[in-house]
């Protein structure tokens, strides 16, 4: 009998292959550009989620893993290419790998997590065995609220010139607030808070990054480069802070429950 861990591993690997196929089709110009972009960002996670049995959160995590796997594979292939070419345009191998791994991970991880959540939701609805209970609905309500707070607040702050002196601290508070709300809603277990905060940070990062990535892809010169740098510079701190805040939210809720029961 195939265990859930094996199923998730298979789903993550197949999801990574789908991302690779989308990338290859873009290079060969076999599909229209918009189709390639959607498949590249969401397709692998969607396939991984469809193959993941269990909660929607499990599918999101499996989709995120498929994105990370593909990011590391592409970074490795690019590094090998730089070694074979021996061209002075490439930096040292470790720098090449690090650069591409960082950029591709923050690009592929959030969107494939979203695709994974959608895939498992579709699977559960088809099988009619995944109807969420009250606790699961509350958990996803918290994740949804936290995601909106992260995405909307970040876009508002970055586009505002009135808070420029406080922009950095305010931006760092955003994932903390969103992650804490998600972790508090997830329940009193530390693992639930960690997962909820992690996913909230991923979803929020994916949403606020969309306009920046569009500018980076269609813009020119300094503005295009700056937009891409903003998405990358905020992505990793947001994931770390949102995850930590999710754990804190779950711990606070557990303490409140204990005090109420005392």
C-alpha atoms as a PDB file:
ATOM      1  CA  UNK A   1       0.000   0.000   0.000  1.00  0.00           C
ATOM      2  CA  UNK A   2       1.357   3.406  -0.967  1.00  0.00           C
ATOM      3  CA  UNK A   3       1.793   5.668   2.067  1.00  0.00           C
ATOM      4  CA  UNK A   4       0.817   9.333   2.110  1.00  0.00           C
ATOM      5  CA  UNK A   5       4.487  10.342   2.296  1.00  0.00           C
ATOM      6  CA  UNK A   6       5.262   8.374  -0.861  1.00  0.00           C
ATOM      7  CA  UNK A   7       2.246   9.911  -2.610  1.00  0.00           C
ATOM      8  CA  UNK A   8       3.417  13.388  -1.705  1.00  0.00           C
ATOM      9  CA  UNK A   9       6.928  12.643  -2.931  1.00  0.00           C
ATOM     10  CA  UNK A  10       5.575  11.326  -6.229  1.00  0.00           C
ATOM     11  CA  UNK A  11       3.321  14.370  -6.537  1.00  0.00           C
ATOM     12  CA  UNK A  12       6.191  16.768  -5.859  1.00  0.00           C
ATOM     13  CA  UNK A  13       8.435  15.071  -8.431  1.00  0.00           C
ATOM     14  CA  UNK A  14       5.725  14.961 -11.098  1.00  0.00           C
ATOM     15  CA  UNK A  15       4.888  18.581 -10.349  1.00  0.00           C
ATOM     16  CA  UNK A  16       8.519  19.532 -10.883  1.00  0.00           C
ATOM     17  CA  UNK A  17       8.488  17.674 -14.197  1.00  0.00           C
ATOM     18  CA  UNK A  18       5.430  19.655 -15.288  1.00  0.00           C
ATOM     19  CA  UNK A  19       7.242  22.902 -14.477  1.00  0.00           C
ATOM     20  CA  UNK A  20      10.233  21.672 -16.485  1.00  0.00           C
ATOM     21  CA  UNK A  21       7.979  20.779 -19.416  1.00  0.00           C
ATOM     22  CA  UNK A  22       6.427  24.258 -19.314  1.00  0.00           C
ATOM     23  CA  UNK A  23       9.884  25.820 -19.281  1.00  0.00           C
ATOM     24  CA  UNK A  24      10.996  23.680 -22.216  1.00  0.00           C
ATOM     25  CA  UNK A  25       7.862  24.511 -24.212  1.00  0.00           C
ATOM     26  CA  UNK A  26       8.606  28.186 -23.673  1.00  0.00           C
ATOM     27  CA  UNK A  27      12.165  27.794 -24.920  1.00  0.00           C
ATOM     28  CA  UNK A  28      10.950  25.878 -27.990  1.00  0.00           C
ATOM     29  CA  UNK A  29       8.074  28.361 -28.466  1.00  0.00           C
ATOM     30  CA  UNK A  30       5.671  25.423 -28.690  1.00  0.00           C
ATOM     31  CA  UNK A  31       2.932  27.215 -26.717  1.00  0.00           C
ATOM     32  CA  UNK A  32       1.755  30.830 -26.459  1.00  0.00           C
ATOM     33  CA  UNK A  33       3.591  32.928 -23.910  1.00  0.00           C
ATOM     34  CA  UNK A  34       0.673  33.413 -21.473  1.00  0.00           C
ATOM     35  CA  UNK A  35      -0.018  29.673 -21.427  1.00  0.00           C
ATOM     36  CA  UNK A  36       3.629  28.933 -20.693  1.00  0.00           C
ATOM     37  CA  UNK A  37       3.693  31.499 -17.883  1.00  0.00           C
ATOM     38  CA  UNK A  38       0.599  30.099 -16.163  1.00  0.00           C
ATOM     39  CA  UNK A  39       1.826  26.513 -16.538  1.00  0.00           C
ATOM     40  CA  UNK A  40       5.294  27.462 -15.284  1.00  0.00           C
ATOM     41  CA  UNK A  41       3.986  29.229 -12.181  1.00  0.00           C
ATOM     42  CA  UNK A  42       0.969  27.108 -11.234  1.00  0.00           C
ATOM     43  CA  UNK A  43       0.976  23.899 -13.292  1.00  0.00           C
ATOM     44  CA  UNK A  44       3.440  21.890 -11.238  1.00  0.00           C
ATOM     45  CA  UNK A  45       1.717  22.725  -7.975  1.00  0.00           C
ATOM     46  CA  UNK A  46      -1.684  21.911  -9.457  1.00  0.00           C
ATOM     47  CA  UNK A  47      -0.527  18.434 -10.526  1.00  0.00           C
ATOM     48  CA  UNK A  48       1.147  17.859  -7.166  1.00  0.00           C
ATOM     49  CA  UNK A  49      -2.041  18.875  -5.375  1.00  0.00           C
ATOM     50  CA  UNK A  50      -4.218  16.609  -7.479  1.00  0.00           C
ATOM     51  CA  UNK A  51      -2.019  13.687  -6.433  1.00  0.00           C
ATOM     52  CA  UNK A  52      -2.012  14.619  -2.746  1.00  0.00           C
ATOM     53  CA  UNK A  53      -4.540  12.949  -0.474  1.00  0.00           C
ATOM     54  CA  UNK A  54      -5.587  14.773   2.656  1.00  0.00           C
ATOM     55  CA  UNK A  55      -6.051  18.372   3.648  1.00  0.00           C
ATOM     56  CA  UNK A  56      -5.824  21.313   1.277  1.00  0.00           C
ATOM     57  CA  UNK A  57      -2.884  22.473   3.355  1.00  0.00           C
ATOM     58  CA  UNK A  58      -1.056  19.224   2.539  1.00  0.00           C
ATOM     59  CA  UNK A  59      -1.534  19.887  -1.169  1.00  0.00           C
ATOM     60  CA  UNK A  60      -0.207  23.427  -0.811  1.00  0.00           C
ATOM     61  CA  UNK A  61       2.933  22.175   0.905  1.00  0.00           C
ATOM     62  CA  UNK A  62       3.468  19.459  -1.725  1.00  0.00           C
ATOM     63  CA  UNK A  63       3.070  22.055  -4.474  1.00  0.00           C
ATOM     64  CA  UNK A  64       5.582  24.304  -2.739  1.00  0.00           C
ATOM     65  CA  UNK A  65       8.068  21.424  -2.578  1.00  0.00           C
ATOM     66  CA  UNK A  66       7.694  20.800  -6.322  1.00  0.00           C
ATOM     67  CA  UNK A  67       8.525  24.460  -6.960  1.00  0.00           C
ATOM     68  CA  UNK A  68      11.642  24.307  -4.796  1.00  0.00           C
ATOM     69  CA  UNK A  69      12.791  21.064  -6.442  1.00  0.00           C
ATOM     70  CA  UNK A  70      12.513  22.598  -9.902  1.00  0.00           C
ATOM     71  CA  UNK A  71      14.237  25.798  -8.808  1.00  0.00           C
ATOM     72  CA  UNK A  72      17.215  23.817  -7.520  1.00  0.00           C
ATOM     73  CA  UNK A  73      17.332  21.682 -10.673  1.00  0.00           C
ATOM     74  CA  UNK A  74      17.355  24.718 -12.969  1.00  0.00           C
ATOM     75  CA  UNK A  75      19.985  26.419 -10.818  1.00  0.00           C
ATOM     76  CA  UNK A  76      22.126  23.284 -10.973  1.00  0.00           C
ATOM     77  CA  UNK A  77      21.727  23.002 -14.759  1.00  0.00           C
ATOM     78  CA  UNK A  78      22.667  26.652 -15.208  1.00  0.00           C
ATOM     79  CA  UNK A  79      25.741  26.165 -13.023  1.00  0.00           C
ATOM     80  CA  UNK A  80      26.829  23.124 -15.046  1.00  0.00           C
ATOM     81  CA  UNK A  81      26.318  25.105 -18.250  1.00  0.00           C
ATOM     82  CA  UNK A  82      28.530  27.875 -16.911  1.00  0.00           C
ATOM     83  CA  UNK A  83      31.279  25.351 -16.120  1.00  0.00           C
ATOM     84  CA  UNK A  84      31.071  23.777 -19.586  1.00  0.00           C
ATOM     85  CA  UNK A  85      31.009  27.124 -21.385  1.00  0.00           C
ATOM     86  CA  UNK A  86      33.919  28.503 -19.334  1.00  0.00           C
ATOM     87  CA  UNK A  87      32.847  31.982 -20.334  1.00  0.00           C
ATOM     88  CA  UNK A  88      34.032  35.037 -18.403  1.00  0.00           C
ATOM     89  CA  UNK A  89      30.440  36.345 -18.389  1.00  0.00           C
ATOM     90  CA  UNK A  90      29.541  33.794 -15.724  1.00  0.00           C
ATOM     91  CA  UNK A  91      30.481  34.378 -12.071  1.00  0.00           C
ATOM     92  CA  UNK A  92      32.023  31.579  -9.960  1.00  0.00           C
ATOM     93  CA  UNK A  93      29.914  28.375  -9.874  1.00  0.00           C
ATOM     94  CA  UNK A  94      28.793  28.850  -6.272  1.00  0.00           C
ATOM     95  CA  UNK A  95      27.628  32.379  -7.039  1.00  0.00           C
ATOM     96  CA  UNK A  96      25.798  31.245 -10.180  1.00  0.00           C
ATOM     97  CA  UNK A  97      23.999  28.484  -8.291  1.00  0.00           C
ATOM     98  CA  UNK A  98      23.158  30.733  -5.344  1.00  0.00           C
ATOM     99  CA  UNK A  99      21.775  33.513  -7.526  1.00  0.00           C
ATOM    100  CA  UNK A 100      19.526  31.316  -9.663  1.00  0.00           C
ATOM    101  CA  UNK A 101      18.403  29.222  -6.693  1.00  0.00           C
ATOM    102  CA  UNK A 102      17.355  32.331  -4.740  1.00  0.00           C
ATOM    103  CA  UNK A 103      15.545  33.968  -7.652  1.00  0.00           C
ATOM    104  CA  UNK A 104      13.761  30.851  -8.905  1.00  0.00           C
ATOM    105  CA  UNK A 105      12.778  29.617  -5.449  1.00  0.00           C
ATOM    106  CA  UNK A 106      11.008  32.835  -4.482  1.00  0.00           C
ATOM    107  CA  UNK A 107       9.353  32.802  -7.914  1.00  0.00           C
ATOM    108  CA  UNK A 108       8.207  29.185  -8.035  1.00  0.00           C
ATOM    109  CA  UNK A 109       7.520  28.426  -4.382  1.00  0.00           C
ATOM    110  CA  UNK A 110       4.522  30.734  -3.659  1.00  0.00           C
ATOM    111  CA  UNK A 111       2.642  30.139  -6.899  1.00  0.00           C
ATOM    112  CA  UNK A 112       3.059  26.382  -6.857  1.00  0.00           C
ATOM    113  CA  UNK A 113       1.833  26.372  -3.267  1.00  0.00           C
ATOM    114  CA  UNK A 114      -1.324  28.093  -4.495  1.00  0.00           C
ATOM    115  CA  UNK A 115      -1.608  25.568  -7.324  1.00  0.00           C
ATOM    116  CA  UNK A 116      -1.159  22.703  -4.869  1.00  0.00           C
ATOM    117  CA  UNK A 117      -3.946  24.020  -2.632  1.00  0.00           C
ATOM    118  CA  UNK A 118      -6.282  24.316  -5.616  1.00  0.00           C
ATOM    119  CA  UNK A 119      -5.345  20.825  -6.842  1.00  0.00           C
ATOM    120  CA  UNK A 120      -6.105  19.124  -3.537  1.00  0.00           C
ATOM    121  CA  UNK A 121      -9.319  21.121  -3.149  1.00  0.00           C
ATOM    122  CA  UNK A 122     -10.437  19.844  -6.555  1.00  0.00           C
ATOM    123  CA  UNK A 123      -9.430  16.286  -5.648  1.00  0.00           C
ATOM    124  CA  UNK A 124     -11.370  16.417  -2.390  1.00  0.00           C
ATOM    125  CA  UNK A 125     -14.458  17.856  -4.040  1.00  0.00           C
ATOM    126  CA  UNK A 126     -14.410  15.144  -6.728  1.00  0.00           C
ATOM    127  CA  UNK A 127     -14.006  12.371  -4.183  1.00  0.00           C
ATOM    128  CA  UNK A 128     -16.576  14.008  -1.896  1.00  0.00           C
ATOM    129  CA  UNK A 129     -14.513  12.934   1.064  1.00  0.00           C
ATOM    130  CA  UNK A 130     -12.789  16.168   1.877  1.00  0.00           C
ATOM    131  CA  UNK A 131     -15.605  18.390   3.166  1.00  0.00           C
ATOM    132  CA  UNK A 132     -13.901  20.627   5.711  1.00  0.00           C
ATOM    133  CA  UNK A 133     -15.171  20.767   9.260  1.00  0.00           C
ATOM    134  CA  UNK A 134     -15.612  23.865  11.390  1.00  0.00           C
ATOM    135  CA  UNK A 135     -11.977  23.807  12.529  1.00  0.00           C
ATOM    136  CA  UNK A 136     -10.687  23.525   8.975  1.00  0.00           C
ATOM    137  CA  UNK A 137     -12.932  26.359   7.785  1.00  0.00           C
ATOM    138  CA  UNK A 138     -11.705  28.569  10.618  1.00  0.00           C
ATOM    139  CA  UNK A 139      -8.114  27.711   9.751  1.00  0.00           C
ATOM    140  CA  UNK A 140      -8.589  28.702   6.110  1.00  0.00           C
ATOM    141  CA  UNK A 141     -10.494  31.825   7.082  1.00  0.00           C
ATOM    142  CA  UNK A 142      -7.472  32.877   9.119  1.00  0.00           C
ATOM    143  CA  UNK A 143      -5.129  32.087   6.239  1.00  0.00           C
ATOM    144  CA  UNK A 144      -7.343  34.077   3.872  1.00  0.00           C
ATOM    145  CA  UNK A 145      -7.477  37.115   6.148  1.00  0.00           C
ATOM    146  CA  UNK A 146      -3.733  36.956   6.770  1.00  0.00           C
ATOM    147  CA  UNK A 147      -3.029  36.656   3.047  1.00  0.00           C
ATOM    148  CA  UNK A 148      -5.148  39.704   2.224  1.00  0.00           C
ATOM    149  CA  UNK A 149      -3.454  41.713   4.978  1.00  0.00           C
ATOM    150  CA  UNK A 150       0.011  40.830   3.697  1.00  0.00           C
ATOM    151  CA  UNK A 151      -0.709  41.436   0.007  1.00  0.00           C
ATOM    152  CA  UNK A 152      -2.886  44.543   0.311  1.00  0.00           C
ATOM    153  CA  UNK A 153      -0.755  46.221   2.980  1.00  0.00           C
ATOM    154  CA  UNK A 154       2.470  45.606   1.085  1.00  0.00           C
ATOM    155  CA  UNK A 155       1.131  47.033  -2.172  1.00  0.00           C
ATOM    156  CA  UNK A 156      -0.324  50.013  -0.340  1.00  0.00           C
ATOM    157  CA  UNK A 157       2.868  50.735   1.567  1.00  0.00           C
ATOM    158  CA  UNK A 158       5.199  50.345  -1.406  1.00  0.00           C
ATOM    159  CA  UNK A 159       3.045  52.648  -3.537  1.00  0.00           C
ATOM    160  CA  UNK A 160       2.744  55.279  -0.789  1.00  0.00           C
ATOM    161  CA  UNK A 161       5.153  58.185  -0.407  1.00  0.00           C
ATOM    162  CA  UNK A 162       3.656  59.310   2.908  1.00  0.00           C
ATOM    163  CA  UNK A 163       5.315  56.645   5.041  1.00  0.00           C
ATOM    164  CA  UNK A 164       8.666  56.515   3.301  1.00  0.00           C
ATOM    165  CA  UNK A 165      10.576  57.130   6.549  1.00  0.00           C
ATOM    166  CA  UNK A 166       8.830  54.192   8.210  1.00  0.00           C
ATOM    167  CA  UNK A 167       8.505  51.973   5.153  1.00  0.00           C
ATOM    168  CA  UNK A 168      10.977  49.287   6.248  1.00  0.00           C
ATOM    169  CA  UNK A 169       9.549  48.674   9.745  1.00  0.00           C
ATOM    170  CA  UNK A 170       5.965  48.788   8.476  1.00  0.00           C
ATOM    171  CA  UNK A 171       6.725  46.263   5.747  1.00  0.00           C
ATOM    172  CA  UNK A 172       8.239  43.881   8.288  1.00  0.00           C
ATOM    173  CA  UNK A 173       5.206  44.230  10.566  1.00  0.00           C
ATOM    174  CA  UNK A 174       2.877  43.200   7.720  1.00  0.00           C
ATOM    175  CA  UNK A 175       3.829  39.475   7.544  1.00  0.00           C
ATOM    176  CA  UNK A 176       3.932  39.301  11.338  1.00  0.00           C
ATOM    177  CA  UNK A 177       0.331  40.487  11.632  1.00  0.00           C
ATOM    178  CA  UNK A 178      -0.884  38.250   8.797  1.00  0.00           C
ATOM    179  CA  UNK A 179       0.980  35.184  10.056  1.00  0.00           C
ATOM    180  CA  UNK A 180      -0.154  35.703  13.652  1.00  0.00           C
ATOM    181  CA  UNK A 181      -3.815  35.875  12.635  1.00  0.00           C
ATOM    182  CA  UNK A 182      -3.460  32.689  10.584  1.00  0.00           C
ATOM    183  CA  UNK A 183      -1.646  30.858  13.377  1.00  0.00           C
ATOM    184  CA  UNK A 184      -4.182  31.938  15.992  1.00  0.00           C
ATOM    185  CA  UNK A 185      -7.053  30.723  13.799  1.00  0.00           C
ATOM    186  CA  UNK A 186      -5.284  27.414  13.075  1.00  0.00           C
ATOM    187  CA  UNK A 187      -5.593  26.168  16.646  1.00  0.00           C
ATOM    188  CA  UNK A 188      -3.392  25.611  19.639  1.00  0.00           C
ATOM    189  CA  UNK A 189      -0.953  23.142  18.090  1.00  0.00           C
ATOM    190  CA  UNK A 190       2.466  24.534  17.195  1.00  0.00           C
ATOM    191  CA  UNK A 191       2.603  22.521  13.970  1.00  0.00           C
ATOM    192  CA  UNK A 192      -0.746  23.912  12.835  1.00  0.00           C
ATOM    193  CA  UNK A 193       0.442  27.447  13.516  1.00  0.00           C
ATOM    194  CA  UNK A 194       3.680  26.831  11.644  1.00  0.00           C
ATOM    195  CA  UNK A 195       1.873  25.472   8.592  1.00  0.00           C
ATOM    196  CA  UNK A 196      -0.729  28.235   8.606  1.00  0.00           C
ATOM    197  CA  UNK A 197       1.851  30.999   8.988  1.00  0.00           C
ATOM    198  CA  UNK A 198       4.034  29.479   6.282  1.00  0.00           C
ATOM    199  CA  UNK A 199       1.188  29.184   3.789  1.00  0.00           C
ATOM    200  CA  UNK A 200      -0.140  32.647   4.587  1.00  0.00           C
ATOM    201  CA  UNK A 201       3.280  34.142   3.948  1.00  0.00           C
ATOM    202  CA  UNK A 202       3.584  32.199   0.682  1.00  0.00           C
ATOM    203  CA  UNK A 203       0.135  33.191  -0.568  1.00  0.00           C
ATOM    204  CA  UNK A 204       0.608  36.811   0.442  1.00  0.00           C
ATOM    205  CA  UNK A 205       4.020  36.939  -1.215  1.00  0.00           C
ATOM    206  CA  UNK A 206       2.612  35.413  -4.380  1.00  0.00           C
ATOM    207  CA  UNK A 207      -0.203  37.955  -4.582  1.00  0.00           C
ATOM    208  CA  UNK A 208       1.811  41.101  -3.926  1.00  0.00           C
ATOM    209  CA  UNK A 209       4.591  39.903  -6.245  1.00  0.00           C
ATOM    210  CA  UNK A 210       2.318  39.662  -9.298  1.00  0.00           C
ATOM    211  CA  UNK A 211       2.427  43.373 -10.235  1.00  0.00           C
ATOM    212  CA  UNK A 212       6.163  43.552  -9.541  1.00  0.00           C
ATOM    213  CA  UNK A 213       6.853  40.526 -11.716  1.00  0.00           C
ATOM    214  CA  UNK A 214       4.688  41.991 -14.472  1.00  0.00           C
ATOM    215  CA  UNK A 215       6.693  45.214 -14.350  1.00  0.00           C
ATOM    216  CA  UNK A 216       9.947  43.246 -14.304  1.00  0.00           C
ATOM    217  CA  UNK A 217       8.840  41.251 -17.365  1.00  0.00           C
ATOM    218  CA  UNK A 218       7.392  44.107 -19.422  1.00  0.00           C
ATOM    219  CA  UNK A 219       9.297  47.123 -18.167  1.00  0.00           C
ATOM    220  CA  UNK A 220      12.692  48.363 -19.203  1.00  0.00           C
ATOM    221  CA  UNK A 221      15.828  49.603 -17.551  1.00  0.00           C
ATOM    222  CA  UNK A 222      16.066  50.557 -13.895  1.00  0.00           C
ATOM    223  CA  UNK A 223      12.335  50.283 -13.137  1.00  0.00           C
ATOM    224  CA  UNK A 224      12.131  46.691 -14.362  1.00  0.00           C
ATOM    225  CA  UNK A 225      15.202  45.676 -12.387  1.00  0.00           C
ATOM    226  CA  UNK A 226      13.967  47.422  -9.247  1.00  0.00           C
ATOM    227  CA  UNK A 227      10.560  45.707  -9.418  1.00  0.00           C
ATOM    228  CA  UNK A 228      12.184  42.286  -9.576  1.00  0.00           C
ATOM    229  CA  UNK A 229      14.529  43.139  -6.716  1.00  0.00           C
ATOM    230  CA  UNK A 230      11.620  44.266  -4.520  1.00  0.00           C
ATOM    231  CA  UNK A 231       9.791  40.965  -4.999  1.00  0.00           C
ATOM    232  CA  UNK A 232      12.908  38.977  -4.116  1.00  0.00           C
ATOM    233  CA  UNK A 233      14.018  41.221  -1.248  1.00  0.00           C
ATOM    234  CA  UNK A 234      10.639  41.030   0.489  1.00  0.00           C
ATOM    235  CA  UNK A 235       9.819  37.401  -0.291  1.00  0.00           C
ATOM    236  CA  UNK A 236      12.289  35.638   1.983  1.00  0.00           C
ATOM    237  CA  UNK A 237      11.860  37.883   5.065  1.00  0.00           C
ATOM    238  CA  UNK A 238       8.101  37.618   4.661  1.00  0.00           C
ATOM    239  CA  UNK A 239       8.206  33.817   4.638  1.00  0.00           C
ATOM    240  CA  UNK A 240      10.438  33.692   7.723  1.00  0.00           C
ATOM    241  CA  UNK A 241       8.500  36.310   9.705  1.00  0.00           C
ATOM    242  CA  UNK A 242       5.084  34.992   8.669  1.00  0.00           C
ATOM    243  CA  UNK A 243       5.983  31.438   9.674  1.00  0.00           C
ATOM    244  CA  UNK A 244       7.381  32.531  13.034  1.00  0.00           C
ATOM    245  CA  UNK A 245       4.310  34.688  13.674  1.00  0.00           C
ATOM    246  CA  UNK A 246       2.071  31.716  12.848  1.00  0.00           C
ATOM    247  CA  UNK A 247       3.783  29.668  15.549  1.00  0.00           C
ATOM    248  CA  UNK A 248       3.411  32.580  17.977  1.00  0.00           C
ATOM    249  CA  UNK A 249      -0.292  32.854  17.188  1.00  0.00           C
ATOM    250  CA  UNK A 250      -0.847  29.159  17.887  1.00  0.00           C
ATOM    251  CA  UNK A 251       1.099  29.384  21.160  1.00  0.00           C
ATOM    252  CA  UNK A 252      -0.916  32.394  22.322  1.00  0.00           C
ATOM    253  CA  UNK A 253      -4.178  30.593  21.547  1.00  0.00           C
ATOM    254  CA  UNK A 254      -3.002  27.492  23.433  1.00  0.00           C
ATOM    255  CA  UNK A 255      -2.104  29.614  26.467  1.00  0.00           C
ATOM    256  CA  UNK A 256      -5.484  31.338  26.388  1.00  0.00           C
ATOM    257  CA  UNK A 257      -7.223  27.941  26.313  1.00  0.00           C
ATOM    258  CA  UNK A 258      -5.201  26.737  29.289  1.00  0.00           C
ATOM    259  CA  UNK A 259      -5.994  29.897  31.257  1.00  0.00           C
ATOM    260  CA  UNK A 260      -9.704  29.525  30.471  1.00  0.00           C
ATOM    261  CA  UNK A 261      -9.647  25.903  31.637  1.00  0.00           C
ATOM    262  CA  UNK A 262      -7.770  26.700  34.833  1.00  0.00           C
END
